[in-house]
Amino acid sequence: MTGLASPSPPPSPFARTNPVALVTKDFARSTLSAHHRPVLRALAEAMFSPDGEVQPERLDAFVEDVDGFISPASKTLRFGLVLMLVAIRWSPLLFLRFRAFEELTVDERVRHLERLERSKVKQLPLLVVAYKTVLTMIFYEDEDEQRAIGYPGHERKRWRAALPLAPPRAAGEAGLRGAARDGVAS
């Protein structure tokens, strides 16, 4: 039976005859649409620049930072944050102001946010607190903003002065303490 070739196995249905090169695409999800961005910018301006101390370019870049921060979140969280932003946008109607939030002056926005925070309706303060938390974290992540409020950054060494220095321990001393702690008599 020499000379007989064994039959070749049938081709696998999963085998590719011509390999396809994988192409990767940079994926940049954006959560905030064009009509959400002015509301977020107006909210940031009321919170961080009521007297105009933050440059407009910084506020525009900040909106992009916030979008980049919330976009990787789950679909449910993104939906909730966008829904809260829509509620903030139209919340002046609750107080008989017939303009959207971003159309108010900066002083009116500040007063409106304070009024929302003091509201007796449980959900209204949560709108402000949720965005205030996220925006504050992102805004003060910038080292220039940290320096502006007096945080020294990497040069911070105050904790060293507050902690007393412990005397160096001998290697045998640590073993004795461990034995005494475990109830072993020497």
N, C-alpha and C. Protein backbone atom coordinates (compact mmCIF):
# COMPACT_ATOMS: atom_id res chain seq x y z
N MET A 1 0.81 -1.18 0.00
CA MET A 1 0.00 0.00 0.00
C MET A 1 0.85 1.24 0.00
N THR A 2 1.95 1.11 -0.46
CA THR A 2 2.79 2.27 -0.61
C THR A 2 2.42 2.96 -1.88
N GLY A 3 2.67 4.21 -1.93
CA GLY A 3 2.40 4.98 -3.13
C GLY A 3 1.01 5.58 -3.17
N LEU A 4 0.13 5.18 -2.28
CA LEU A 4 -1.20 5.79 -2.26
C LEU A 4 -1.16 7.02 -1.37
N ALA A 5 -1.57 8.13 -1.89
CA ALA A 5 -1.59 9.38 -1.12
C ALA A 5 -2.88 9.44 -0.31
N SER A 6 -2.74 9.89 0.91
CA SER A 6 -3.93 10.02 1.73
C SER A 6 -4.71 11.24 1.26
N PRO A 7 -6.02 11.19 1.31
CA PRO A 7 -6.81 12.34 0.83
C PRO A 7 -6.60 13.54 1.75
N SER A 8 -6.55 14.71 1.17
CA SER A 8 -6.36 15.93 1.96
C SER A 8 -7.67 16.26 2.66
N PRO A 9 -7.56 16.84 3.87
CA PRO A 9 -8.80 17.16 4.58
C PRO A 9 -9.56 18.26 3.86
N PRO A 10 -10.87 18.28 4.02
CA PRO A 10 -11.65 19.34 3.35
C PRO A 10 -11.28 20.69 3.95
N PRO A 11 -11.37 21.76 3.16
CA PRO A 11 -11.03 23.09 3.69
C PRO A 11 -11.99 23.49 4.81
N SER A 12 -11.45 24.14 5.80
CA SER A 12 -12.24 24.60 6.93
C SER A 12 -13.13 25.76 6.49
N PRO A 13 -14.36 25.79 6.96
CA PRO A 13 -15.22 26.91 6.56
C PRO A 13 -14.75 28.23 7.19
N PHE A 14 -13.87 28.13 8.21
CA PHE A 14 -13.38 29.33 8.89
C PHE A 14 -12.06 29.83 8.31
N ALA A 15 -11.46 29.05 7.44
CA ALA A 15 -10.18 29.45 6.86
C ALA A 15 -10.42 30.49 5.77
N ARG A 16 -9.55 31.47 5.75
CA ARG A 16 -9.65 32.51 4.72
C ARG A 16 -8.67 32.19 3.60
N THR A 17 -9.13 32.34 2.43
CA THR A 17 -8.24 32.05 1.31
C THR A 17 -7.31 33.22 1.05
N ASN A 18 -7.80 34.42 1.19
CA ASN A 18 -6.94 35.59 1.03
C ASN A 18 -7.03 36.44 2.30
N PRO A 19 -5.92 36.62 2.99
CA PRO A 19 -5.96 37.37 4.25
C PRO A 19 -6.34 38.83 4.01
N VAL A 20 -7.11 39.35 4.94
CA VAL A 20 -7.55 40.73 4.86
C VAL A 20 -6.76 41.52 5.90
N ALA A 21 -6.19 42.60 5.49
CA ALA A 21 -5.44 43.44 6.42
C ALA A 21 -6.41 44.13 7.36
N LEU A 22 -6.10 44.09 8.65
CA LEU A 22 -6.94 44.75 9.63
C LEU A 22 -6.69 46.25 9.59
N VAL A 23 -7.74 46.99 9.59
CA VAL A 23 -7.64 48.44 9.57
C VAL A 23 -8.25 48.94 10.88
N THR A 24 -7.46 49.68 11.62
CA THR A 24 -7.98 50.24 12.86
C THR A 24 -8.36 51.69 12.62
N LYS A 25 -9.42 52.07 13.26
CA LYS A 25 -9.89 53.44 13.16
C LYS A 25 -9.83 54.07 14.54
N ASP A 26 -9.37 55.27 14.59
CA ASP A 26 -9.41 55.99 15.86
C ASP A 26 -10.87 56.32 16.13
N PHE A 27 -11.31 55.94 17.30
CA PHE A 27 -12.71 56.14 17.65
C PHE A 27 -12.79 57.24 18.68
N ALA A 28 -13.44 58.29 18.34
CA ALA A 28 -13.62 59.40 19.27
C ALA A 28 -15.13 59.64 19.41
N ARG A 29 -15.67 59.16 20.50
CA ARG A 29 -17.09 59.34 20.76
C ARG A 29 -17.32 60.75 21.28
N SER A 30 -18.39 61.35 20.86
CA SER A 30 -18.77 62.66 21.35
C SER A 30 -20.19 62.56 21.89
N THR A 31 -20.35 62.96 23.13
CA THR A 31 -21.65 62.86 23.77
C THR A 31 -22.47 64.13 23.58
N LEU A 32 -21.82 65.26 23.65
CA LEU A 32 -22.53 66.53 23.61
C LEU A 32 -22.74 66.98 22.17
N SER A 33 -23.98 67.28 21.85
CA SER A 33 -24.28 67.77 20.50
C SER A 33 -24.09 69.29 20.46
N ALA A 34 -24.32 69.85 19.29
CA ALA A 34 -24.11 71.29 19.09
C ALA A 34 -25.02 72.14 19.96
N HIS A 35 -26.21 71.68 20.31
CA HIS A 35 -27.10 72.50 21.15
C HIS A 35 -26.86 72.26 22.64
N HIS A 36 -26.06 71.25 23.02
CA HIS A 36 -25.71 71.06 24.43
C HIS A 36 -24.48 71.88 24.83
N ARG A 37 -23.59 72.10 23.90
CA ARG A 37 -22.32 72.77 24.19
C ARG A 37 -22.49 74.20 24.71
N PRO A 38 -23.36 75.03 24.14
CA PRO A 38 -23.54 76.38 24.70
C PRO A 38 -24.08 76.36 26.13
N VAL A 39 -24.91 75.38 26.45
CA VAL A 39 -25.45 75.29 27.80
C VAL A 39 -24.33 74.94 28.78
N LEU A 40 -23.49 73.98 28.40
CA LEU A 40 -22.38 73.59 29.26
C LEU A 40 -21.39 74.74 29.41
N ARG A 41 -21.13 75.46 28.33
CA ARG A 41 -20.21 76.61 28.42
C ARG A 41 -20.78 77.69 29.32
N ALA A 42 -22.08 77.94 29.20
CA ALA A 42 -22.73 78.95 30.05
C ALA A 42 -22.70 78.52 31.52
N LEU A 43 -22.87 77.24 31.76
CA LEU A 43 -22.80 76.71 33.12
C LEU A 43 -21.38 76.87 33.68
N ALA A 44 -20.38 76.55 32.88
CA ALA A 44 -18.98 76.70 33.31
C ALA A 44 -18.63 78.16 33.54
N GLU A 45 -19.15 79.04 32.68
CA GLU A 45 -18.88 80.47 32.85
C GLU A 45 -19.50 80.99 34.14
N ALA A 46 -20.70 80.53 34.46
CA ALA A 46 -21.34 80.97 35.71
C ALA A 46 -20.60 80.43 36.93
N MET A 47 -20.05 79.24 36.83
CA MET A 47 -19.37 78.63 37.97
C MET A 47 -17.95 79.15 38.16
N PHE A 48 -17.20 79.29 37.08
CA PHE A 48 -15.77 79.56 37.19
C PHE A 48 -15.34 80.95 36.74
N SER A 49 -16.22 81.68 36.09
CA SER A 49 -15.84 82.98 35.57
C SER A 49 -16.98 83.99 35.67
N PRO A 50 -17.57 84.16 36.85
CA PRO A 50 -18.68 85.12 36.93
C PRO A 50 -18.24 86.56 36.71
N ASP A 51 -16.96 86.86 36.95
CA ASP A 51 -16.45 88.21 36.73
C ASP A 51 -15.59 88.30 35.48
N GLY A 52 -15.59 87.27 34.65
CA GLY A 52 -14.83 87.30 33.41
C GLY A 52 -13.36 86.99 33.58
N GLU A 53 -12.98 86.32 34.67
CA GLU A 53 -11.55 86.06 34.90
C GLU A 53 -10.99 84.92 34.07
N VAL A 54 -11.82 84.06 33.51
CA VAL A 54 -11.35 82.96 32.66
C VAL A 54 -11.53 83.37 31.21
N GLN A 55 -10.50 83.12 30.42
CA GLN A 55 -10.54 83.50 29.00
C GLN A 55 -11.60 82.69 28.24
N PRO A 56 -12.25 83.28 27.25
CA PRO A 56 -13.27 82.55 26.48
C PRO A 56 -12.71 81.31 25.78
N GLU A 57 -11.47 81.37 25.33
CA GLU A 57 -10.85 80.21 24.68
C GLU A 57 -10.71 79.05 25.67
N ARG A 58 -10.40 79.39 26.91
CA ARG A 58 -10.26 78.36 27.95
C ARG A 58 -11.61 77.70 28.21
N LEU A 59 -12.67 78.48 28.22
CA LEU A 59 -14.01 77.92 28.42
C LEU A 59 -14.42 77.02 27.25
N ASP A 60 -14.08 77.42 26.03
CA ASP A 60 -14.38 76.59 24.87
C ASP A 60 -13.62 75.26 24.93
N ALA A 61 -12.35 75.34 25.30
CA ALA A 61 -11.55 74.11 25.43
C ALA A 61 -12.06 73.26 26.58
N PHE A 62 -12.57 73.92 27.61
CA PHE A 62 -13.10 73.20 28.76
C PHE A 62 -14.31 72.35 28.38
N VAL A 63 -15.16 72.88 27.49
CA VAL A 63 -16.32 72.12 27.02
C VAL A 63 -15.85 70.84 26.33
N GLU A 64 -14.79 70.95 25.53
CA GLU A 64 -14.23 69.76 24.88
C GLU A 64 -13.68 68.78 25.89
N ASP A 65 -13.04 69.29 26.96
CA ASP A 65 -12.52 68.43 28.02
C ASP A 65 -13.65 67.66 28.71
N VAL A 66 -14.73 68.35 28.98
CA VAL A 66 -15.87 67.71 29.65
C VAL A 66 -16.47 66.64 28.73
N ASP A 67 -16.61 66.96 27.46
CA ASP A 67 -17.14 65.98 26.51
C ASP A 67 -16.23 64.76 26.45
N GLY A 68 -14.93 64.98 26.42
CA GLY A 68 -14.00 63.86 26.41
C GLY A 68 -14.03 63.05 27.70
N PHE A 69 -14.39 63.70 28.81
CA PHE A 69 -14.45 63.01 30.10
C PHE A 69 -15.69 62.14 30.21
N ILE A 70 -16.83 62.64 29.76
CA ILE A 70 -18.07 61.88 29.93
C ILE A 70 -18.34 60.91 28.79
N SER A 71 -17.70 61.07 27.65
CA SER A 71 -17.99 60.22 26.50
C SER A 71 -17.63 58.75 26.69
N PRO A 72 -16.57 58.38 27.40
CA PRO A 72 -16.30 56.95 27.59
C PRO A 72 -17.23 56.27 28.60
N ALA A 73 -18.09 57.01 29.25
CA ALA A 73 -18.99 56.44 30.26
C ALA A 73 -20.04 55.55 29.59
N SER A 74 -20.78 54.85 30.41
CA SER A 74 -21.81 53.95 29.89
C SER A 74 -22.92 54.76 29.20
N LYS A 75 -23.67 54.06 28.39
CA LYS A 75 -24.75 54.72 27.65
C LYS A 75 -25.78 55.31 28.61
N THR A 76 -26.07 54.61 29.70
CA THR A 76 -27.04 55.08 30.67
C THR A 76 -26.57 56.36 31.36
N LEU A 77 -25.31 56.38 31.75
CA LEU A 77 -24.76 57.57 32.41
C LEU A 77 -24.71 58.76 31.45
N ARG A 78 -24.29 58.51 30.22
CA ARG A 78 -24.26 59.60 29.23
C ARG A 78 -25.66 60.15 28.99
N PHE A 79 -26.64 59.26 28.88
CA PHE A 79 -28.03 59.69 28.68
C PHE A 79 -28.49 60.54 29.87
N GLY A 80 -28.17 60.10 31.08
CA GLY A 80 -28.57 60.85 32.27
C GLY A 80 -27.93 62.22 32.33
N LEU A 81 -26.64 62.31 32.00
CA LEU A 81 -25.95 63.61 32.04
C LEU A 81 -26.49 64.56 30.99
N VAL A 82 -26.78 64.04 29.81
CA VAL A 82 -27.35 64.89 28.76
C VAL A 82 -28.77 65.33 29.14
N LEU A 83 -29.53 64.42 29.72
CA LEU A 83 -30.89 64.77 30.15
C LEU A 83 -30.86 65.84 31.24
N MET A 84 -29.90 65.75 32.16
CA MET A 84 -29.77 66.79 33.19
C MET A 84 -29.38 68.13 32.58
N LEU A 85 -28.54 68.08 31.55
CA LEU A 85 -28.15 69.32 30.89
C LEU A 85 -29.35 69.96 30.19
N VAL A 86 -30.21 69.15 29.60
CA VAL A 86 -31.43 69.67 28.97
C VAL A 86 -32.35 70.27 30.05
N ALA A 87 -32.43 69.60 31.19
CA ALA A 87 -33.26 70.13 32.29
C ALA A 87 -32.71 71.46 32.80
N ILE A 88 -31.38 71.57 32.90
CA ILE A 88 -30.78 72.85 33.32
C ILE A 88 -31.08 73.93 32.29
N ARG A 89 -31.01 73.55 31.02
CA ARG A 89 -31.25 74.53 29.95
C ARG A 89 -32.63 75.16 30.07
N TRP A 90 -33.64 74.35 30.35
CA TRP A 90 -35.01 74.85 30.38
C TRP A 90 -35.50 75.15 31.79
N SER A 91 -34.66 75.01 32.80
CA SER A 91 -35.07 75.25 34.18
C SER A 91 -35.49 76.69 34.48
N PRO A 92 -35.00 77.70 33.75
CA PRO A 92 -35.53 79.05 34.03
C PRO A 92 -37.03 79.17 33.82
N LEU A 93 -37.60 78.31 32.99
CA LEU A 93 -39.06 78.35 32.79
C LEU A 93 -39.81 78.04 34.09
N LEU A 94 -39.20 77.24 34.96
CA LEU A 94 -39.84 76.92 36.24
C LEU A 94 -40.01 78.15 37.13
N PHE A 95 -39.16 79.13 36.91
CA PHE A 95 -39.19 80.35 37.71
C PHE A 95 -39.70 81.54 36.89
N LEU A 96 -40.46 81.22 35.85
CA LEU A 96 -41.12 82.21 34.99
C LEU A 96 -40.13 83.15 34.30
N ARG A 97 -39.01 82.63 33.93
CA ARG A 97 -38.07 83.35 33.06
C ARG A 97 -38.18 82.68 31.70
N PHE A 98 -38.63 83.40 30.73
CA PHE A 98 -38.94 82.81 29.44
C PHE A 98 -37.76 82.86 28.48
N ARG A 99 -36.62 82.42 28.99
CA ARG A 99 -35.41 82.31 28.18
C ARG A 99 -34.70 81.03 28.60
N ALA A 100 -33.89 80.51 27.68
CA ALA A 100 -33.08 79.33 28.01
C ALA A 100 -31.93 79.76 28.92
N PHE A 101 -31.33 78.80 29.60
CA PHE A 101 -30.27 79.08 30.57
C PHE A 101 -29.11 79.84 29.93
N GLU A 102 -28.69 79.42 28.75
CA GLU A 102 -27.54 80.06 28.10
C GLU A 102 -27.84 81.47 27.62
N GLU A 103 -29.12 81.85 27.53
CA GLU A 103 -29.49 83.20 27.10
C GLU A 103 -29.52 84.19 28.26
N LEU A 104 -29.44 83.70 29.49
CA LEU A 104 -29.40 84.59 30.66
C LEU A 104 -28.04 85.26 30.75
N THR A 105 -27.98 86.42 31.41
CA THR A 105 -26.69 87.04 31.66
C THR A 105 -25.94 86.20 32.70
N VAL A 106 -24.66 86.45 32.85
CA VAL A 106 -23.86 85.67 33.79
C VAL A 106 -24.38 85.84 35.22
N ASP A 107 -24.72 87.07 35.60
CA ASP A 107 -25.26 87.29 36.95
C ASP A 107 -26.59 86.57 37.15
N GLU A 108 -27.44 86.59 36.13
CA GLU A 108 -28.71 85.87 36.22
C GLU A 108 -28.49 84.36 36.32
N ARG A 109 -27.49 83.86 35.60
CA ARG A 109 -27.18 82.43 35.67
C ARG A 109 -26.71 82.03 37.06
N VAL A 110 -25.85 82.85 37.65
CA VAL A 110 -25.35 82.56 39.00
C VAL A 110 -26.51 82.54 39.99
N ARG A 111 -27.36 83.55 39.93
CA ARG A 111 -28.52 83.59 40.83
C ARG A 111 -29.46 82.41 40.59
N HIS A 112 -29.62 82.05 39.32
CA HIS A 112 -30.50 80.93 38.98
C HIS A 112 -29.94 79.61 39.53
N LEU A 113 -28.64 79.40 39.41
CA LEU A 113 -28.03 78.18 39.95
C LEU A 113 -28.16 78.12 41.47
N GLU A 114 -27.98 79.26 42.11
CA GLU A 114 -28.15 79.31 43.57
C GLU A 114 -29.60 78.98 43.95
N ARG A 115 -30.51 79.48 43.17
CA ARG A 115 -31.93 79.22 43.42
C ARG A 115 -32.27 77.73 43.21
N LEU A 116 -31.67 77.13 42.18
CA LEU A 116 -31.88 75.70 41.95
C LEU A 116 -31.32 74.88 43.11
N GLU A 117 -30.16 75.28 43.62
CA GLU A 117 -29.55 74.55 44.74
C GLU A 117 -30.39 74.63 46.01
N ARG A 118 -31.09 75.74 46.21
CA ARG A 118 -31.91 75.92 47.40
C ARG A 118 -33.33 75.41 47.23
N SER A 119 -33.67 74.91 46.07
CA SER A 119 -35.04 74.51 45.77
C SER A 119 -35.52 73.41 46.70
N LYS A 120 -36.79 73.45 47.02
CA LYS A 120 -37.42 72.43 47.86
C LYS A 120 -37.71 71.15 47.08
N VAL A 121 -37.80 71.26 45.76
CA VAL A 121 -38.00 70.08 44.92
C VAL A 121 -36.70 69.29 44.92
N LYS A 122 -36.74 68.03 45.34
CA LYS A 122 -35.53 67.24 45.57
C LYS A 122 -34.63 67.11 44.34
N GLN A 123 -35.19 67.00 43.17
CA GLN A 123 -34.41 66.73 41.98
C GLN A 123 -33.64 67.95 41.48
N LEU A 124 -34.11 69.14 41.71
CA LEU A 124 -33.47 70.33 41.18
C LEU A 124 -32.07 70.57 41.76
N PRO A 125 -31.86 70.46 43.07
CA PRO A 125 -30.49 70.62 43.57
C PRO A 125 -29.54 69.54 43.03
N LEU A 126 -30.07 68.35 42.77
CA LEU A 126 -29.22 67.28 42.25
C LEU A 126 -28.69 67.60 40.86
N LEU A 127 -29.47 68.32 40.06
CA LEU A 127 -29.00 68.72 38.74
C LEU A 127 -27.74 69.56 38.85
N VAL A 128 -27.79 70.51 39.76
CA VAL A 128 -26.66 71.43 39.92
C VAL A 128 -25.48 70.71 40.56
N VAL A 129 -25.73 69.92 41.58
CA VAL A 129 -24.65 69.24 42.30
C VAL A 129 -23.93 68.25 41.38
N ALA A 130 -24.68 67.52 40.57
CA ALA A 130 -24.06 66.54 39.67
C ALA A 130 -23.09 67.23 38.71
N TYR A 131 -23.55 68.29 38.07
CA TYR A 131 -22.67 68.98 37.12
C TYR A 131 -21.58 69.77 37.83
N LYS A 132 -21.89 70.31 38.98
CA LYS A 132 -20.88 71.06 39.72
C LYS A 132 -19.72 70.14 40.10
N THR A 133 -20.02 68.92 40.49
CA THR A 133 -18.98 67.97 40.86
C THR A 133 -18.10 67.63 39.67
N VAL A 134 -18.71 67.24 38.57
CA VAL A 134 -17.95 66.85 37.39
C VAL A 134 -17.14 68.02 36.85
N LEU A 135 -17.76 69.18 36.74
CA LEU A 135 -17.07 70.34 36.18
C LEU A 135 -15.92 70.80 37.07
N THR A 136 -16.12 70.77 38.38
CA THR A 136 -15.05 71.20 39.29
C THR A 136 -13.86 70.26 39.21
N MET A 137 -14.12 68.96 39.16
CA MET A 137 -13.00 68.01 39.05
C MET A 137 -12.19 68.28 37.79
N ILE A 138 -12.86 68.47 36.68
CA ILE A 138 -12.16 68.65 35.41
C ILE A 138 -11.48 70.01 35.35
N PHE A 139 -12.15 71.06 35.81
CA PHE A 139 -11.59 72.41 35.72
C PHE A 139 -10.31 72.54 36.54
N TYR A 140 -10.31 72.02 37.76
CA TYR A 140 -9.15 72.17 38.63
C TYR A 140 -8.13 71.06 38.46
N GLU A 141 -8.29 70.25 37.43
CA GLU A 141 -7.27 69.30 37.05
C GLU A 141 -6.12 70.02 36.34
N ASP A 142 -6.40 71.16 35.77
CA ASP A 142 -5.41 71.97 35.06
C ASP A 142 -4.46 72.61 36.07
N GLU A 143 -3.15 72.46 35.85
CA GLU A 143 -2.15 72.99 36.79
C GLU A 143 -2.19 74.51 36.89
N ASP A 144 -2.51 75.19 35.81
CA ASP A 144 -2.60 76.66 35.87
C ASP A 144 -3.74 77.10 36.78
N GLU A 145 -4.85 76.38 36.72
CA GLU A 145 -5.98 76.71 37.59
C GLU A 145 -5.67 76.37 39.04
N GLN A 146 -4.91 75.32 39.27
CA GLN A 146 -4.50 74.97 40.64
C GLN A 146 -3.61 76.07 41.22
N ARG A 147 -2.67 76.56 40.42
CA ARG A 147 -1.79 77.65 40.88
C ARG A 147 -2.60 78.92 41.14
N ALA A 148 -3.62 79.15 40.32
CA ALA A 148 -4.44 80.37 40.48
C ALA A 148 -5.18 80.39 41.81
N ILE A 149 -5.50 79.22 42.36
CA ILE A 149 -6.18 79.18 43.66
C ILE A 149 -5.20 78.95 44.81
N GLY A 150 -3.89 78.93 44.49
CA GLY A 150 -2.88 78.86 45.54
C GLY A 150 -2.32 77.48 45.82
N TYR A 151 -2.68 76.48 45.05
CA TYR A 151 -2.13 75.15 45.26
C TYR A 151 -0.73 75.11 44.66
N PRO A 152 0.29 74.73 45.42
CA PRO A 152 1.66 74.79 44.91
C PRO A 152 2.04 73.68 43.94
N GLY A 153 1.21 72.68 43.79
CA GLY A 153 1.50 71.62 42.83
C GLY A 153 2.55 70.66 43.35
N HIS A 154 3.53 70.34 42.51
CA HIS A 154 4.55 69.36 42.87
C HIS A 154 5.45 69.85 44.00
N GLU A 155 5.49 71.14 44.25
CA GLU A 155 6.36 71.68 45.30
C GLU A 155 5.76 71.52 46.68
N ARG A 156 4.58 70.93 46.78
CA ARG A 156 3.89 70.81 48.06
C ARG A 156 4.67 69.90 49.00
N LYS A 157 5.14 70.46 50.11
CA LYS A 157 5.92 69.68 51.07
C LYS A 157 5.41 69.92 52.49
N ARG A 158 4.28 70.55 52.65
CA ARG A 158 3.77 70.86 53.97
C ARG A 158 3.53 69.59 54.79
N TRP A 159 3.13 68.52 54.15
CA TRP A 159 2.85 67.28 54.86
C TRP A 159 4.10 66.76 55.56
N ARG A 160 5.28 67.04 55.02
CA ARG A 160 6.52 66.58 55.65
C ARG A 160 6.74 67.28 56.98
N ALA A 161 6.41 68.54 57.06
CA ALA A 161 6.60 69.29 58.29
C ALA A 161 5.57 68.87 59.35
N ALA A 162 4.42 68.40 58.93
CA ALA A 162 3.37 68.06 59.87
C ALA A 162 3.57 66.68 60.49
N LEU A 163 4.26 65.79 59.81
CA LEU A 163 4.46 64.44 60.31
C LEU A 163 5.76 64.34 61.11
N PRO A 164 5.71 63.80 62.33
CA PRO A 164 6.96 63.63 63.07
C PRO A 164 7.78 62.48 62.46
N LEU A 165 9.07 62.62 62.51
CA LEU A 165 9.94 61.58 61.99
C LEU A 165 10.13 60.51 63.05
N ALA A 166 9.98 59.27 62.68
CA ALA A 166 10.17 58.15 63.60
C ALA A 166 11.65 57.78 63.60
N PRO A 167 12.19 57.39 64.77
CA PRO A 167 13.60 56.97 64.79
C PRO A 167 13.75 55.66 64.02
N PRO A 168 14.88 55.45 63.38
CA PRO A 168 15.08 54.20 62.64
C PRO A 168 15.09 53.01 63.58
N ARG A 169 14.48 51.90 63.15
CA ARG A 169 14.41 50.70 63.97
C ARG A 169 15.51 49.73 63.57
N ALA A 170 15.95 49.00 64.53
CA ALA A 170 16.92 47.96 64.24
C ALA A 170 16.15 46.75 63.71
N ALA A 171 16.82 45.93 62.91
CA ALA A 171 16.16 44.78 62.29
C ALA A 171 15.68 43.79 63.34
N GLY A 172 16.44 43.55 64.40
CA GLY A 172 16.05 42.59 65.42
C GLY A 172 14.89 43.08 66.26
N GLU A 173 14.80 44.39 66.43
CA GLU A 173 13.72 44.97 67.23
C GLU A 173 12.36 44.70 66.60
N ALA A 174 12.29 44.74 65.29
CA ALA A 174 11.02 44.48 64.59
C ALA A 174 10.59 43.05 64.80
N GLY A 175 11.53 42.11 64.81
CA GLY A 175 11.20 40.71 65.03
C GLY A 175 10.68 40.47 66.43
N LEU A 176 11.25 41.14 67.43
CA LEU A 176 10.80 40.96 68.81
C LEU A 176 9.38 41.50 68.98
N ARG A 177 9.11 42.63 68.38
CA ARG A 177 7.76 43.19 68.48
C ARG A 177 6.74 42.28 67.84
N GLY A 178 7.09 41.70 66.73
CA GLY A 178 6.18 40.79 66.04
C GLY A 178 5.92 39.55 66.87
N ALA A 179 6.95 39.02 67.56
CA ALA A 179 6.78 37.84 68.40
C ALA A 179 5.92 38.16 69.61
N ALA A 180 6.13 39.33 70.20
CA ALA A 180 5.34 39.73 71.36
C ALA A 180 3.88 39.94 70.96
N ARG A 181 3.66 40.49 69.79
CA ARG A 181 2.31 40.72 69.31
C ARG A 181 1.59 39.39 69.07
N ASP A 182 2.31 38.40 68.59
CA ASP A 182 1.71 37.10 68.30
C ASP A 182 1.56 36.23 69.53
N GLY A 183 2.05 36.70 70.68
CA GLY A 183 1.91 35.95 71.91
C GLY A 183 3.00 34.91 72.12
N VAL A 184 4.08 35.03 71.40
CA VAL A 184 5.19 34.09 71.53
C VAL A 184 6.17 34.64 72.53
N ALA A 185 6.49 33.90 73.57
CA ALA A 185 7.45 34.34 74.57
C ALA A 185 8.85 33.95 74.13
N SER A 186 9.83 34.84 74.42
CA SER A 186 11.18 34.51 74.01
C SER A 186 12.00 34.01 75.18
